[in-house]
Amino acid sequence: MGGDAGRRGGLDEQAVLLAAGLADLAVSTLTSAAGAVCGLLRRSDTAHLAAQAEQDLRARGRLALDRYAVVPPAHLEVLARHVLARRAGDGG
């Protein structure tokens, strides 16, 4: 999920992060979330709290994806592949 995928990739990434965050939140804190929703409905600063909740869900989503995502290749392995590709492109 790189940052150079463009605007569409960024929106897709945000949607995935929000979905993963929601799933993680539902699994870990379903009971307390219901109490928090009731508390939110009684507050006057609901819009501000909703924005904070969205940021929290994105952070949870990032953590959940990092926890369960495939481990990227080692840095030196990537460099070695890059060198081999360059040598193959230069003809030897």
PDB file of N, CA and C in Angstrom:
ATOM      1  N   MET A   1       0.839  -1.176   0.000  1.00  0.00           N
ATOM      2  CA  MET A   1       0.000   0.000   0.000  1.00  0.00           C
ATOM      3  C   MET A   1       0.878   1.230   0.000  1.00  0.00           C
ATOM      4  N   GLY A   2       1.427   1.537  -1.125  1.00  0.00           N
ATOM      5  CA  GLY A   2       2.366   2.635  -1.238  1.00  0.00           C
ATOM      6  C   GLY A   2       1.670   3.963  -1.427  1.00  0.00           C
ATOM      7  N   GLY A   3       2.404   5.028  -1.170  1.00  0.00           N
ATOM      8  CA  GLY A   3       1.847   6.350  -1.309  1.00  0.00           C
ATOM      9  C   GLY A   3       1.865   6.856  -2.737  1.00  0.00           C
ATOM     10  N   ASP A   4       2.625   6.210  -3.652  1.00  0.00           N
ATOM     11  CA  ASP A   4       2.706   6.698  -5.017  1.00  0.00           C
ATOM     12  C   ASP A   4       1.687   6.027  -5.925  1.00  0.00           C
ATOM     13  N   ALA A   5       0.643   5.460  -5.390  1.00  0.00           N
ATOM     14  CA  ALA A   5      -0.391   4.841  -6.219  1.00  0.00           C
ATOM     15  C   ALA A   5      -1.375   5.884  -6.737  1.00  0.00           C
ATOM     16  N   GLY A   6      -1.205   7.129  -6.352  1.00  0.00           N
ATOM     17  CA  GLY A   6      -2.082   8.184  -6.828  1.00  0.00           C
ATOM     18  C   GLY A   6      -3.255   8.412  -5.901  1.00  0.00           C
ATOM     19  N   ARG A   7      -4.126   9.316  -6.316  1.00  0.00           N
ATOM     20  CA  ARG A   7      -5.256   9.690  -5.481  1.00  0.00           C
ATOM     21  C   ARG A   7      -6.208   8.521  -5.262  1.00  0.00           C
ATOM     22  N   ARG A   8      -6.500   7.761  -6.304  1.00  0.00           N
ATOM     23  CA  ARG A   8      -7.409   6.629  -6.165  1.00  0.00           C
ATOM     24  C   ARG A   8      -6.846   5.583  -5.213  1.00  0.00           C
ATOM     25  N   GLY A   9      -5.555   5.302  -5.339  1.00  0.00           N
ATOM     26  CA  GLY A   9      -4.913   4.357  -4.434  1.00  0.00           C
ATOM     27  C   GLY A   9      -4.983   4.843  -2.997  1.00  0.00           C
ATOM     28  N   GLY A  10      -4.850   6.142  -2.801  1.00  0.00           N
ATOM     29  CA  GLY A  10      -4.932   6.702  -1.462  1.00  0.00           C
ATOM     30  C   GLY A  10      -6.312   6.531  -0.870  1.00  0.00           C
ATOM     31  N   LEU A  11      -7.348   6.768  -1.669  1.00  0.00           N
ATOM     32  CA  LEU A  11      -8.715   6.581  -1.185  1.00  0.00           C
ATOM     33  C   LEU A  11      -8.993   5.119  -0.912  1.00  0.00           C
ATOM     34  N   ASP A  12      -8.515   4.235  -1.782  1.00  0.00           N
ATOM     35  CA  ASP A  12      -8.684   2.798  -1.559  1.00  0.00           C
ATOM     36  C   ASP A  12      -7.975   2.371  -0.283  1.00  0.00           C
ATOM     37  N   GLU A  13      -6.782   2.882  -0.079  1.00  0.00           N
ATOM     38  CA  GLU A  13      -6.022   2.534   1.116  1.00  0.00           C
ATOM     39  C   GLU A  13      -6.746   3.018   2.368  1.00  0.00           C
ATOM     40  N   GLN A  14      -7.290   4.236   2.308  1.00  0.00           N
ATOM     41  CA  GLN A  14      -8.027   4.745   3.459  1.00  0.00           C
ATOM     42  C   GLN A  14      -9.253   3.896   3.749  1.00  0.00           C
ATOM     43  N   ALA A  15      -9.942   3.467   2.710  1.00  0.00           N
ATOM     44  CA  ALA A  15     -11.121   2.621   2.905  1.00  0.00           C
ATOM     45  C   ALA A  15     -10.734   1.293   3.537  1.00  0.00           C
ATOM     46  N   VAL A  16      -9.624   0.709   3.081  1.00  0.00           N
ATOM     47  CA  VAL A  16      -9.166  -0.553   3.658  1.00  0.00           C
ATOM     48  C   VAL A  16      -8.762  -0.347   5.113  1.00  0.00           C
ATOM     49  N   LEU A  17      -8.071   0.750   5.390  1.00  0.00           N
ATOM     50  CA  LEU A  17      -7.660   1.034   6.761  1.00  0.00           C
ATOM     51  C   LEU A  17      -8.863   1.216   7.673  1.00  0.00           C
ATOM     52  N   LEU A  18      -9.867   1.957   7.188  1.00  0.00           N
ATOM     53  CA  LEU A  18     -11.070   2.156   7.995  1.00  0.00           C
ATOM     54  C   LEU A  18     -11.798   0.838   8.232  1.00  0.00           C
ATOM     55  N   ALA A  19     -11.904  -0.005   7.205  1.00  0.00           N
ATOM     56  CA  ALA A  19     -12.578  -1.295   7.354  1.00  0.00           C
ATOM     57  C   ALA A  19     -11.823  -2.195   8.328  1.00  0.00           C
ATOM     58  N   ALA A  20     -10.501  -2.238   8.205  1.00  0.00           N
ATOM     59  CA  ALA A  20      -9.704  -3.058   9.112  1.00  0.00           C
ATOM     60  C   ALA A  20      -9.797  -2.534  10.538  1.00  0.00           C
ATOM     61  N   GLY A  21      -9.810  -1.229  10.680  1.00  0.00           N
ATOM     62  CA  GLY A  21      -9.954  -0.626  12.006  1.00  0.00           C
ATOM     63  C   GLY A  21     -11.304  -0.933  12.628  1.00  0.00           C
ATOM     64  N   LEU A  22     -12.351  -0.850  11.815  1.00  0.00           N
ATOM     65  CA  LEU A  22     -13.688  -1.192  12.313  1.00  0.00           C
ATOM     66  C   LEU A  22     -13.767  -2.652  12.737  1.00  0.00           C
ATOM     67  N   ALA A  23     -13.188  -3.539  11.943  1.00  0.00           N
ATOM     68  CA  ALA A  23     -13.210  -4.962  12.285  1.00  0.00           C
ATOM     69  C   ALA A  23     -12.443  -5.218  13.574  1.00  0.00           C
ATOM     70  N   ASP A  24     -11.278  -4.609  13.715  1.00  0.00           N
ATOM     71  CA  ASP A  24     -10.482  -4.785  14.924  1.00  0.00           C
ATOM     72  C   ASP A  24     -11.216  -4.224  16.134  1.00  0.00           C
ATOM     73  N   LEU A  25     -11.830  -3.071  15.961  1.00  0.00           N
ATOM     74  CA  LEU A  25     -12.587  -2.458  17.053  1.00  0.00           C
ATOM     75  C   LEU A  25     -13.756  -3.336  17.453  1.00  0.00           C
ATOM     76  N   ALA A  26     -14.473  -3.889  16.486  1.00  0.00           N
ATOM     77  CA  ALA A  26     -15.638  -4.725  16.778  1.00  0.00           C
ATOM     78  C   ALA A  26     -15.236  -5.987  17.526  1.00  0.00           C
ATOM     79  N   VAL A  27     -14.120  -6.594  17.130  1.00  0.00           N
ATOM     80  CA  VAL A  27     -13.677  -7.828  17.776  1.00  0.00           C
ATOM     81  C   VAL A  27     -13.224  -7.555  19.207  1.00  0.00           C
ATOM     82  N   SER A  28     -12.491  -6.487  19.413  1.00  0.00           N
ATOM     83  CA  SER A  28     -11.869  -6.261  20.722  1.00  0.00           C
ATOM     84  C   SER A  28     -12.739  -5.515  21.724  1.00  0.00           C
ATOM     85  N   THR A  29     -13.637  -4.639  21.236  1.00  0.00           N
ATOM     86  CA  THR A  29     -14.361  -3.780  22.192  1.00  0.00           C
ATOM     87  C   THR A  29     -15.829  -3.603  21.841  1.00  0.00           C
ATOM     88  N   LEU A  30     -16.512  -4.667  21.469  1.00  0.00           N
ATOM     89  CA  LEU A  30     -17.911  -4.558  21.053  1.00  0.00           C
ATOM     90  C   LEU A  30     -18.794  -4.032  22.181  1.00  0.00           C
ATOM     91  N   THR A  31     -18.647  -4.543  23.357  1.00  0.00           N
ATOM     92  CA  THR A  31     -19.486  -4.132  24.471  1.00  0.00           C
ATOM     93  C   THR A  31     -19.247  -2.679  24.863  1.00  0.00           C
ATOM     94  N   SER A  32     -17.987  -2.289  24.981  1.00  0.00           N
ATOM     95  CA  SER A  32     -17.701  -0.911  25.376  1.00  0.00           C
ATOM     96  C   SER A  32     -18.052   0.081  24.266  1.00  0.00           C
ATOM     97  N   ALA A  33     -18.003  -0.376  23.011  1.00  0.00           N
ATOM     98  CA  ALA A  33     -18.376   0.509  21.905  1.00  0.00           C
ATOM     99  C   ALA A  33     -19.852   0.886  21.996  1.00  0.00           C
ATOM    100  N   ALA A  34     -20.700  -0.050  22.387  1.00  0.00           N
ATOM    101  CA  ALA A  34     -22.129   0.250  22.518  1.00  0.00           C
ATOM    102  C   ALA A  34     -22.343   1.312  23.590  1.00  0.00           C
ATOM    103  N   GLY A  35     -21.632   1.218  24.694  1.00  0.00           N
ATOM    104  CA  GLY A  35     -21.728   2.244  25.732  1.00  0.00           C
ATOM    105  C   GLY A  35     -21.203   3.588  25.251  1.00  0.00           C
ATOM    106  N   ALA A  36     -20.128   3.561  24.447  1.00  0.00           N
ATOM    107  CA  ALA A  36     -19.573   4.807  23.922  1.00  0.00           C
ATOM    108  C   ALA A  36     -20.551   5.488  22.968  1.00  0.00           C
ATOM    109  N   VAL A  37     -21.260   4.701  22.154  1.00  0.00           N
ATOM    110  CA  VAL A  37     -22.246   5.277  21.225  1.00  0.00           C
ATOM    111  C   VAL A  37     -23.347   5.977  22.001  1.00  0.00           C
ATOM    112  N   CYS A  38     -23.811   5.354  23.058  1.00  0.00           N
ATOM    113  CA  CYS A  38     -24.848   6.002  23.887  1.00  0.00           C
ATOM    114  C   CYS A  38     -24.328   7.308  24.473  1.00  0.00           C
ATOM    115  N   GLY A  39     -23.079   7.305  24.899  1.00  0.00           N
ATOM    116  CA  GLY A  39     -22.479   8.522  25.428  1.00  0.00           C
ATOM    117  C   GLY A  39     -22.331   9.598  24.369  1.00  0.00           C
ATOM    118  N   LEU A  40     -21.984   9.193  23.132  1.00  0.00           N
ATOM    119  CA  LEU A  40     -21.838  10.157  22.043  1.00  0.00           C
ATOM    120  C   LEU A  40     -23.156  10.862  21.732  1.00  0.00           C
ATOM    121  N   LEU A  41     -24.239  10.131  21.791  1.00  0.00           N
ATOM    122  CA  LEU A  41     -25.536  10.715  21.456  1.00  0.00           C
ATOM    123  C   LEU A  41     -25.950  11.802  22.444  1.00  0.00           C
ATOM    124  N   ARG A  42     -25.403  11.773  23.635  1.00  0.00           N
ATOM    125  CA  ARG A  42     -25.759  12.772  24.652  1.00  0.00           C
ATOM    126  C   ARG A  42     -24.823  13.975  24.641  1.00  0.00           C
ATOM    127  N   ARG A  43     -23.805  13.976  23.789  1.00  0.00           N
ATOM    128  CA  ARG A  43     -22.825  15.054  23.803  1.00  0.00           C
ATOM    129  C   ARG A  43     -23.134  16.096  22.730  1.00  0.00           C
ATOM    130  N   SER A  44     -22.707  17.333  22.977  1.00  0.00           N
ATOM    131  CA  SER A  44     -22.923  18.402  22.008  1.00  0.00           C
ATOM    132  C   SER A  44     -21.786  18.498  20.992  1.00  0.00           C
ATOM    133  N   ASP A  45     -20.640  17.922  21.284  1.00  0.00           N
ATOM    134  CA  ASP A  45     -19.484  17.996  20.386  1.00  0.00           C
ATOM    135  C   ASP A  45     -19.304  16.689  19.602  1.00  0.00           C
ATOM    136  N   THR A  46     -20.414  16.144  19.117  1.00  0.00           N
ATOM    137  CA  THR A  46     -20.402  14.855  18.425  1.00  0.00           C
ATOM    138  C   THR A  46     -19.564  14.891  17.153  1.00  0.00           C
ATOM    139  N   ALA A  47     -19.604  15.978  16.400  1.00  0.00           N
ATOM    140  CA  ALA A  47     -18.841  16.061  15.150  1.00  0.00           C
ATOM    141  C   ALA A  47     -17.336  15.974  15.422  1.00  0.00           C
ATOM    142  N   HIS A  48     -16.882  16.668  16.458  1.00  0.00           N
ATOM    143  CA  HIS A  48     -15.462  16.621  16.829  1.00  0.00           C
ATOM    144  C   HIS A  48     -15.079  15.208  17.275  1.00  0.00           C
ATOM    145  N   LEU A  49     -15.920  14.582  18.046  1.00  0.00           N
ATOM    146  CA  LEU A  49     -15.643  13.228  18.513  1.00  0.00           C
ATOM    147  C   LEU A  49     -15.658  12.226  17.356  1.00  0.00           C
ATOM    148  N   ALA A  50     -16.547  12.453  16.375  1.00  0.00           N
ATOM    149  CA  ALA A  50     -16.594  11.562  15.210  1.00  0.00           C
ATOM    150  C   ALA A  50     -15.302  11.671  14.402  1.00  0.00           C
ATOM    151  N   ALA A  51     -14.757  12.876  14.274  1.00  0.00           N
ATOM    152  CA  ALA A  51     -13.490  13.066  13.563  1.00  0.00           C
ATOM    153  C   ALA A  51     -12.354  12.358  14.306  1.00  0.00           C
ATOM    154  N   GLN A  52     -12.352  12.458  15.629  1.00  0.00           N
ATOM    155  CA  GLN A  52     -11.341  11.760  16.418  1.00  0.00           C
ATOM    156  C   GLN A  52     -11.503  10.246  16.281  1.00  0.00           C
ATOM    157  N   ALA A  53     -12.742   9.779  16.239  1.00  0.00           N
ATOM    158  CA  ALA A  53     -12.997   8.346  16.085  1.00  0.00           C
ATOM    159  C   ALA A  53     -12.500   7.850  14.728  1.00  0.00           C
ATOM    160  N   GLU A  54     -12.678   8.658  13.678  1.00  0.00           N
ATOM    161  CA  GLU A  54     -12.193   8.277  12.351  1.00  0.00           C
ATOM    162  C   GLU A  54     -10.675   8.150  12.349  1.00  0.00           C
ATOM    163  N   GLN A  55      -9.991   9.093  12.987  1.00  0.00           N
ATOM    164  CA  GLN A  55      -8.532   9.015  13.076  1.00  0.00           C
ATOM    165  C   GLN A  55      -8.109   7.773  13.853  1.00  0.00           C
ATOM    166  N   ASP A  56      -8.816   7.480  14.924  1.00  0.00           N
ATOM    167  CA  ASP A  56      -8.510   6.304  15.723  1.00  0.00           C
ATOM    168  C   ASP A  56      -8.721   5.026  14.912  1.00  0.00           C
ATOM    169  N   LEU A  57      -9.789   4.990  14.119  1.00  0.00           N
ATOM    170  CA  LEU A  57     -10.062   3.811  13.300  1.00  0.00           C
ATOM    171  C   LEU A  57      -8.992   3.623  12.226  1.00  0.00           C
ATOM    172  N   ARG A  58      -8.520   4.710  11.638  1.00  0.00           N
ATOM    173  CA  ARG A  58      -7.433   4.606  10.661  1.00  0.00           C
ATOM    174  C   ARG A  58      -6.172   4.054  11.315  1.00  0.00           C
ATOM    175  N   ALA A  59      -5.867   4.559  12.511  1.00  0.00           N
ATOM    176  CA  ALA A  59      -4.689   4.072  13.228  1.00  0.00           C
ATOM    177  C   ALA A  59      -4.847   2.591  13.573  1.00  0.00           C
ATOM    178  N   ARG A  60      -6.031   2.202  14.038  1.00  0.00           N
ATOM    179  CA  ARG A  60      -6.286   0.790  14.333  1.00  0.00           C
ATOM    180  C   ARG A  60      -6.164  -0.054  13.066  1.00  0.00           C
ATOM    181  N   GLY A  61      -6.673   0.469  11.967  1.00  0.00           N
ATOM    182  CA  GLY A  61      -6.587  -0.253  10.701  1.00  0.00           C
ATOM    183  C   GLY A  61      -5.156  -0.460  10.275  1.00  0.00           C
ATOM    184  N   ARG A  62      -4.335   0.577  10.412  1.00  0.00           N
ATOM    185  CA  ARG A  62      -2.915   0.470  10.063  1.00  0.00           C
ATOM    186  C   ARG A  62      -2.242  -0.585  10.934  1.00  0.00           C
ATOM    187  N   LEU A  63      -2.529  -0.558  12.238  1.00  0.00           N
ATOM    188  CA  LEU A  63      -1.934  -1.542  13.142  1.00  0.00           C
ATOM    189  C   LEU A  63      -2.401  -2.953  12.816  1.00  0.00           C
ATOM    190  N   ALA A  64      -3.692  -3.108  12.519  1.00  0.00           N
ATOM    191  CA  ALA A  64      -4.221  -4.438  12.186  1.00  0.00           C
ATOM    192  C   ALA A  64      -3.597  -4.969  10.901  1.00  0.00           C
ATOM    193  N   LEU A  65      -3.488  -4.113   9.887  1.00  0.00           N
ATOM    194  CA  LEU A  65      -2.876  -4.555   8.633  1.00  0.00           C
ATOM    195  C   LEU A  65      -1.397  -4.867   8.811  1.00  0.00           C
ATOM    196  N   ASP A  66      -0.703  -4.059   9.590  1.00  0.00           N
ATOM    197  CA  ASP A  66       0.704  -4.325   9.843  1.00  0.00           C
ATOM    198  C   ASP A  66       0.889  -5.630  10.614  1.00  0.00           C
ATOM    199  N   ARG A  67      -0.062  -5.928  11.497  1.00  0.00           N
ATOM    200  CA  ARG A  67       0.026  -7.133  12.312  1.00  0.00           C
ATOM    201  C   ARG A  67      -0.208  -8.391  11.480  1.00  0.00           C
ATOM    202  N   TYR A  68      -1.125  -8.321  10.506  1.00  0.00           N
ATOM    203  CA  TYR A  68      -1.516  -9.508   9.756  1.00  0.00           C
ATOM    204  C   TYR A  68      -1.022  -9.532   8.313  1.00  0.00           C
ATOM    205  N   ALA A  69      -0.404  -8.466   7.856  1.00  0.00           N
ATOM    206  CA  ALA A  69       0.040  -8.382   6.461  1.00  0.00           C
ATOM    207  C   ALA A  69       1.293  -9.232   6.256  1.00  0.00           C
ATOM    208  N   VAL A  70       1.550  -9.539   5.001  1.00  0.00           N
ATOM    209  CA  VAL A  70       2.743 -10.305   4.650  1.00  0.00           C
ATOM    210  C   VAL A  70       3.976  -9.452   4.930  1.00  0.00           C
ATOM    211  N   VAL A  71       4.989 -10.076   5.471  1.00  0.00           N
ATOM    212  CA  VAL A  71       6.231  -9.370   5.789  1.00  0.00           C
ATOM    213  C   VAL A  71       6.958  -9.044   4.487  1.00  0.00           C
ATOM    214  N   PRO A  72       7.367  -7.794   4.292  1.00  0.00           N
ATOM    215  CA  PRO A  72       8.091  -7.430   3.071  1.00  0.00           C
ATOM    216  C   PRO A  72       9.463  -8.093   3.048  1.00  0.00           C
ATOM    217  N   PRO A  73      10.061  -8.219   1.857  1.00  0.00           N
ATOM    218  CA  PRO A  73      11.395  -8.834   1.773  1.00  0.00           C
ATOM    219  C   PRO A  73      12.431  -7.972   2.493  1.00  0.00           C
ATOM    220  N   ALA A  74      13.499  -8.618   2.900  1.00  0.00           N
ATOM    221  CA  ALA A  74      14.571  -7.918   3.605  1.00  0.00           C
ATOM    222  C   ALA A  74      15.171  -6.836   2.708  1.00  0.00           C
ATOM    223  N   HIS A  75      15.639  -5.778   3.328  1.00  0.00           N
ATOM    224  CA  HIS A  75      16.189  -4.633   2.594  1.00  0.00           C
ATOM    225  C   HIS A  75      17.360  -5.045   1.698  1.00  0.00           C
ATOM    226  N   LEU A  76      18.265  -5.853   2.229  1.00  0.00           N
ATOM    227  CA  LEU A  76      19.416  -6.273   1.421  1.00  0.00           C
ATOM    228  C   LEU A  76      18.988  -7.149   0.256  1.00  0.00           C
ATOM    229  N   GLU A  77      17.939  -7.937   0.438  1.00  0.00           N
ATOM    230  CA  GLU A  77      17.427  -8.758  -0.654  1.00  0.00           C
ATOM    231  C   GLU A  77      16.899  -7.867  -1.779  1.00  0.00           C
ATOM    232  N   VAL A  78      16.209  -6.812  -1.436  1.00  0.00           N
ATOM    233  CA  VAL A  78      15.690  -5.877  -2.433  1.00  0.00           C
ATOM    234  C   VAL A  78      16.851  -5.219  -3.182  1.00  0.00           C
ATOM    235  N   LEU A  79      17.878  -4.803  -2.454  1.00  0.00           N
ATOM    236  CA  LEU A  79      19.043  -4.186  -3.099  1.00  0.00           C
ATOM    237  C   LEU A  79      19.747  -5.169  -4.039  1.00  0.00           C
ATOM    238  N   ALA A  80      19.886  -6.422  -3.602  1.00  0.00           N
ATOM    239  CA  ALA A  80      20.540  -7.421  -4.450  1.00  0.00           C
ATOM    240  C   ALA A  80      19.750  -7.654  -5.726  1.00  0.00           C
ATOM    241  N   ARG A  81      18.447  -7.715  -5.625  1.00  0.00           N
ATOM    242  CA  ARG A  81      17.613  -7.889  -6.823  1.00  0.00           C
ATOM    243  C   ARG A  81      17.750  -6.698  -7.760  1.00  0.00           C
ATOM    244  N   HIS A  82      17.832  -5.525  -7.197  1.00  0.00           N
ATOM    245  CA  HIS A  82      17.984  -4.307  -7.995  1.00  0.00           C
ATOM    246  C   HIS A  82      19.310  -4.334  -8.760  1.00  0.00           C
ATOM    247  N   VAL A  83      20.385  -4.735  -8.082  1.00  0.00           N
ATOM    248  CA  VAL A  83      21.701  -4.820  -8.729  1.00  0.00           C
ATOM    249  C   VAL A  83      21.666  -5.850  -9.847  1.00  0.00           C
ATOM    250  N   LEU A  84      21.057  -7.006  -9.601  1.00  0.00           N
ATOM    251  CA  LEU A  84      20.977  -8.042 -10.642  1.00  0.00           C
ATOM    252  C   LEU A  84      20.176  -7.559 -11.847  1.00  0.00           C
ATOM    253  N   ALA A  85      19.108  -6.832 -11.597  1.00  0.00           N
ATOM    254  CA  ALA A  85      18.303  -6.298 -12.697  1.00  0.00           C
ATOM    255  C   ALA A  85      19.097  -5.282 -13.508  1.00  0.00           C
ATOM    256  N   ARG A  86      19.887  -4.451 -12.833  1.00  0.00           N
ATOM    257  CA  ARG A  86      20.722  -3.469 -13.539  1.00  0.00           C
ATOM    258  C   ARG A  86      21.770  -4.161 -14.385  1.00  0.00           C
ATOM    259  N   ARG A  87      22.405  -5.175 -13.815  1.00  0.00           N
ATOM    260  CA  ARG A  87      23.431  -5.899 -14.565  1.00  0.00           C
ATOM    261  C   ARG A  87      22.824  -6.579 -15.785  1.00  0.00           C
ATOM    262  N   ALA A  88      21.651  -7.130 -15.644  1.00  0.00           N
ATOM    263  CA  ALA A  88      20.986  -7.772 -16.772  1.00  0.00           C
ATOM    264  C   ALA A  88      20.609  -6.751 -17.843  1.00  0.00           C
ATOM    265  N   GLY A  89      20.247  -5.530 -17.409  1.00  0.00           N
ATOM    266  CA  GLY A  89      19.903  -4.469 -18.354  1.00  0.00           C
ATOM    267  C   GLY A  89      21.105  -3.901 -19.085  1.00  0.00           C
ATOM    268  N   ASP A  90      22.254  -3.907 -18.411  1.00  0.00           N
ATOM    269  CA  ASP A  90      23.477  -3.390 -19.036  1.00  0.00           C
ATOM    270  C   ASP A  90      24.156  -4.402 -19.935  1.00  0.00           C
ATOM    271  N   GLY A  91      23.675  -5.615 -19.906  1.00  0.00           N
ATOM    272  CA  GLY A  91      24.245  -6.638 -20.770  1.00  0.00           C
ATOM    273  C   GLY A  91      25.361  -7.430 -20.108  1.00  0.00           C
ATOM    274  N   GLY A  92      25.507  -7.328 -18.827  1.00  0.00           N
ATOM    275  CA  GLY A  92      26.496  -8.186 -18.226  1.00  0.00           C
ATOM    276  C   GLY A  92      27.025  -7.640 -16.980  1.00  0.00           C
TER     277      GLY A  92
END
